Amino acid sequence: MAAPQPQPQTFTFTQVGSLSIKLDIYLTPSPAADAPILLWFHGGGLIQGCRARYGPHTVASVPKYGHVPLSPDYRLAPQATLAEILADALDALNGPEGSPLTTSQPQPRGSQ
């Protein structure tokens, strides 16, 4: 019997003016304290796409490999500059306030 597929938990990880930029975290019911983080940025050449396009095969790998995937949105060009897009990526790495990443384990490897 296949393990149940984790459902995303959505958090706002940064606010730019009135725009809330969100991130999905896929957790198993009991993630390991040292579970590796898989940070996945959607494709689209920085001009299209969204975090919800996370592949079902990748979601299925969560219970198998025990990692914690993060799938953030980011501002898109041409409305945002490359520097602004990179700032969003760095904010995503810090983890959203109040998420399991900032309030408890798992922590990114090498973060101690």
C-alpha atoms as a PDB file:
ATOM      1  CA  MET A   1       0.000   0.000   0.000  1.00  0.00           C
ATOM      2  CA  ALA A   2       1.395   3.393  -1.008  1.00  0.00           C
ATOM      3  CA  ALA A   3       2.146   5.976   1.651  1.00  0.00           C
ATOM      4  CA  PRO A   4      -0.300   8.896   1.771  1.00  0.00           C
ATOM      5  CA  GLN A   5       0.762  11.893  -0.280  1.00  0.00           C
ATOM      6  CA  PRO A   6       1.653  14.964   1.782  1.00  0.00           C
ATOM      7  CA  GLN A   7      -0.509  18.002   1.214  1.00  0.00           C
ATOM      8  CA  PRO A   8       1.174  21.401   1.037  1.00  0.00           C
ATOM      9  CA  GLN A   9       1.086  23.803   3.932  1.00  0.00           C
ATOM     10  CA  THR A  10       1.131  27.360   2.581  1.00  0.00           C
ATOM     11  CA  PHE A  11       2.905  30.243   4.311  1.00  0.00           C
ATOM     12  CA  THR A  12       3.629  33.840   3.375  1.00  0.00           C
ATOM     13  CA  PHE A  13       7.416  34.180   3.463  1.00  0.00           C
ATOM     14  CA  THR A  14       7.720  37.809   2.434  1.00  0.00           C
ATOM     15  CA  GLN A  15       5.587  40.860   1.825  1.00  0.00           C
ATOM     16  CA  VAL A  16       6.391  43.413  -0.889  1.00  0.00           C
ATOM     17  CA  GLY A  17       4.014  46.349  -0.618  1.00  0.00           C
ATOM     18  CA  SER A  18       0.552  44.797  -0.791  1.00  0.00           C
ATOM     19  CA  LEU A  19       1.870  41.585  -2.434  1.00  0.00           C
ATOM     20  CA  SER A  20       2.129  38.498  -0.213  1.00  0.00           C
ATOM     21  CA  ILE A  21       4.632  36.019  -1.640  1.00  0.00           C
ATOM     22  CA  LYS A  22       3.888  32.462  -0.566  1.00  0.00           C
ATOM     23  CA  LEU A  23       5.711  29.173  -0.186  1.00  0.00           C
ATOM     24  CA  ASP A  24       4.377  25.611   0.047  1.00  0.00           C
ATOM     25  CA  ILE A  25       5.994  23.114   2.423  1.00  0.00           C
ATOM     26  CA  TYR A  26       5.343  19.404   1.964  1.00  0.00           C
ATOM     27  CA  LEU A  27       5.739  17.497   5.245  1.00  0.00           C
ATOM     28  CA  THR A  28       5.159  13.912   6.197  1.00  0.00           C
ATOM     29  CA  PRO A  29       3.169  13.485   9.443  1.00  0.00           C
ATOM     30  CA  SER A  30       6.422  12.938  11.393  1.00  0.00           C
ATOM     31  CA  PRO A  31       9.410  14.417   9.544  1.00  0.00           C
ATOM     32  CA  ALA A  32      12.853  13.438  10.788  1.00  0.00           C
ATOM     33  CA  ALA A  33      14.664  16.113  12.765  1.00  0.00           C
ATOM     34  CA  ASP A  34      17.515  16.078  10.240  1.00  0.00           C
ATOM     35  CA  ALA A  35      15.343  15.754   7.114  1.00  0.00           C
ATOM     36  CA  PRO A  36      17.073  17.341   4.129  1.00  0.00           C
ATOM     37  CA  ILE A  37      15.438  20.379   2.555  1.00  0.00           C
ATOM     38  CA  LEU A  38      14.674  20.288  -1.171  1.00  0.00           C
ATOM     39  CA  LEU A  39      14.195  23.835  -2.431  1.00  0.00           C
ATOM     40  CA  TRP A  40      12.354  23.749  -5.763  1.00  0.00           C
ATOM     41  CA  PHE A  41      11.862  26.882  -7.857  1.00  0.00           C
ATOM     42  CA  HIS A  42       9.265  26.504 -10.588  1.00  0.00           C
ATOM     43  CA  GLY A  43      10.318  26.870 -14.189  1.00  0.00           C
ATOM     44  CA  GLY A  44       9.058  29.402 -16.664  1.00  0.00           C
ATOM     45  CA  GLY A  45      12.145  31.424 -17.493  1.00  0.00           C
ATOM     46  CA  LEU A  46      11.440  33.905 -14.659  1.00  0.00           C
ATOM     47  CA  ILE A  47       8.436  35.233 -16.602  1.00  0.00           C
ATOM     48  CA  GLN A  48       5.697  32.677 -15.843  1.00  0.00           C
ATOM     49  CA  GLY A  49       4.771  29.784 -13.536  1.00  0.00           C
ATOM     50  CA  CYS A  50       3.820  29.332  -9.899  1.00  0.00           C
ATOM     51  CA  ARG A  51       4.593  27.189  -6.849  1.00  0.00           C
ATOM     52  CA  ALA A  52       1.493  25.022  -7.413  1.00  0.00           C
ATOM     53  CA  ARG A  53       3.128  23.421 -10.455  1.00  0.00           C
ATOM     54  CA  TYR A  54       5.092  21.133  -8.179  1.00  0.00           C
ATOM     55  CA  GLY A  55       5.299  17.759  -9.925  1.00  0.00           C
ATOM     56  CA  PRO A  56       3.233  14.861  -8.553  1.00  0.00           C
ATOM     57  CA  HIS A  57       6.229  12.530  -8.930  1.00  0.00           C
ATOM     58  CA  THR A  58       8.206  14.824  -6.650  1.00  0.00           C
ATOM     59  CA  VAL A  59       5.414  14.924  -4.060  1.00  0.00           C
ATOM     60  CA  ALA A  60       5.344  11.112  -4.182  1.00  0.00           C
ATOM     61  CA  SER A  61       9.058  11.058  -3.325  1.00  0.00           C
ATOM     62  CA  VAL A  62       8.508  12.751   0.056  1.00  0.00           C
ATOM     63  CA  PRO A  63       7.486   9.653   2.042  1.00  0.00           C
ATOM     64  CA  LYS A  64       9.972   7.514   0.114  1.00  0.00           C
ATOM     65  CA  TYR A  65      13.065   9.668   0.746  1.00  0.00           C
ATOM     66  CA  GLY A  66      11.994  11.684   3.800  1.00  0.00           C
ATOM     67  CA  HIS A  67      13.032  15.101   2.485  1.00  0.00           C
ATOM     68  CA  VAL A  68      11.071  18.322   3.023  1.00  0.00           C
ATOM     69  CA  PRO A  69      10.297  20.076  -0.269  1.00  0.00           C
ATOM     70  CA  LEU A  70       9.792  23.838  -0.341  1.00  0.00           C
ATOM     71  CA  SER A  71       8.123  25.349  -3.386  1.00  0.00           C
ATOM     72  CA  PRO A  72       8.155  29.165  -3.322  1.00  0.00           C
ATOM     73  CA  ASP A  73       6.577  31.705  -5.594  1.00  0.00           C
ATOM     74  CA  TYR A  74       8.658  34.696  -6.621  1.00  0.00           C
ATOM     75  CA  ARG A  75       7.982  37.914  -8.464  1.00  0.00           C
ATOM     76  CA  LEU A  76       8.172  37.529 -12.227  1.00  0.00           C
ATOM     77  CA  ALA A  77       9.870  39.540 -14.964  1.00  0.00           C
ATOM     78  CA  PRO A  78       9.458  41.934 -16.626  1.00  0.00           C
ATOM     79  CA  GLN A  79       7.528  43.542 -13.743  1.00  0.00           C
ATOM     80  CA  ALA A  80      10.317  42.550 -11.336  1.00  0.00           C
ATOM     81  CA  THR A  81      14.040  42.965 -11.870  1.00  0.00           C
ATOM     82  CA  LEU A  82      16.481  40.072 -11.568  1.00  0.00           C
ATOM     83  CA  ALA A  83      17.717  41.581  -8.293  1.00  0.00           C
ATOM     84  CA  GLU A  84      14.152  41.544  -6.913  1.00  0.00           C
ATOM     85  CA  ILE A  85      13.634  37.933  -8.030  1.00  0.00           C
ATOM     86  CA  LEU A  86      16.894  36.919  -6.331  1.00  0.00           C
ATOM     87  CA  ALA A  87      15.817  38.771  -3.165  1.00  0.00           C
ATOM     88  CA  ASP A  88      12.633  36.674  -3.149  1.00  0.00           C
ATOM     89  CA  ALA A  89      14.718  33.507  -3.516  1.00  0.00           C
ATOM     90  CA  LEU A  90      16.897  34.504  -0.561  1.00  0.00           C
ATOM     91  CA  ASP A  91      13.808  35.281   1.524  1.00  0.00           C
ATOM     92  CA  ALA A  92      12.460  31.803   0.686  1.00  0.00           C
ATOM     93  CA  LEU A  93      15.707  30.256   1.958  1.00  0.00           C
ATOM     94  CA  ASN A  94      15.195  31.939   5.326  1.00  0.00           C
ATOM     95  CA  GLY A  95      11.844  30.201   5.716  1.00  0.00           C
ATOM     96  CA  PRO A  96       8.501  31.808   6.444  1.00  0.00           C
ATOM     97  CA  GLU A  97       7.851  33.124   9.954  1.00  0.00           C
ATOM     98  CA  GLY A  98       5.739  30.690  11.969  1.00  0.00           C
ATOM     99  CA  SER A  99       6.377  27.745   9.649  1.00  0.00           C
ATOM    100  CA  PRO A 100       7.783  24.407  10.817  1.00  0.00           C
ATOM    101  CA  LEU A 101      11.124  25.572   9.422  1.00  0.00           C
ATOM    102  CA  THR A 102      11.416  28.534  11.779  1.00  0.00           C
ATOM    103  CA  THR A 103       9.600  27.171  14.843  1.00  0.00           C
ATOM    104  CA  SER A 104      10.981  23.634  15.080  1.00  0.00           C
ATOM    105  CA  GLN A 105      12.854  20.916  13.239  1.00  0.00           C
ATOM    106  CA  PRO A 106      13.593  20.052  10.482  1.00  0.00           C
ATOM    107  CA  GLN A 107      16.452  22.486   9.890  1.00  0.00           C
ATOM    108  CA  PRO A 108      18.479  22.814   6.684  1.00  0.00           C
ATOM    109  CA  ARG A 109      21.686  20.798   6.890  1.00  0.00           C
ATOM    110  CA  GLY A 110      24.670  22.902   7.801  1.00  0.00           C
ATOM    111  CA  SER A 111      22.502  25.627   9.345  1.00  0.00           C
ATOM    112  CA  GLN A 112      23.790  25.130  12.897  1.00  0.00           C
END
